[in-house]
């Protein structure tokens, strides 16, 4: 496993080779569209499926979660934190999926997203946003990008490459999105992980 900061801010990191080839190969055997799913809270209008995996039938997904969690000490050390647990949920993004640039609400302290299949040009893009371009409101979202007409310069684009992803230490300037629209027969499978301190 390799974890590299994308710049000198040390709030955004590229993570590579976290999962074994054995686990990755098993993913390819699953029909992702045949797995029960629900809508993800706050993302109900996205073309995103939150896989509804029960503990007793999780199989490969349980294995993925356990393998990611088994690396929690190394991941925490790389970002200057100590994690007691990393839990995962799994997203399948389908035709029409896109995400306009947004800032996560403050309830998201740390985000770890791992791409589990290759999905060319469908990784997450982060932007260089200035604090003065963020409006703070007294609502659950809290941080609002106040100039959606002009996108700020790109900070870093993650490739959407299998067995890579990012770790984001959330703050009011972590503007990010997926600025493409997934075409027909394209699927974007990822593990989205919560890191508990």
Foldseek 3Di string as FASTA:
>chain_A
DDWAALDDVLFKIKFFQLDDVVLLVVVVVDDVVPADFDADPPCNVFQKTWGPDDPVRCVSVVVVQVSNQVCQQVVQVSSVHHFPGKGKIKMKHAFFGWWQKDAAFVVAQKKWKAWSAAFFLQFKWWAAFDPVQWDADPDRRGTGRNCSPDGHHTSDTDGLHHRMTMMGRGDNRGIMIGHDGDHHPTITMMIMMGTHD
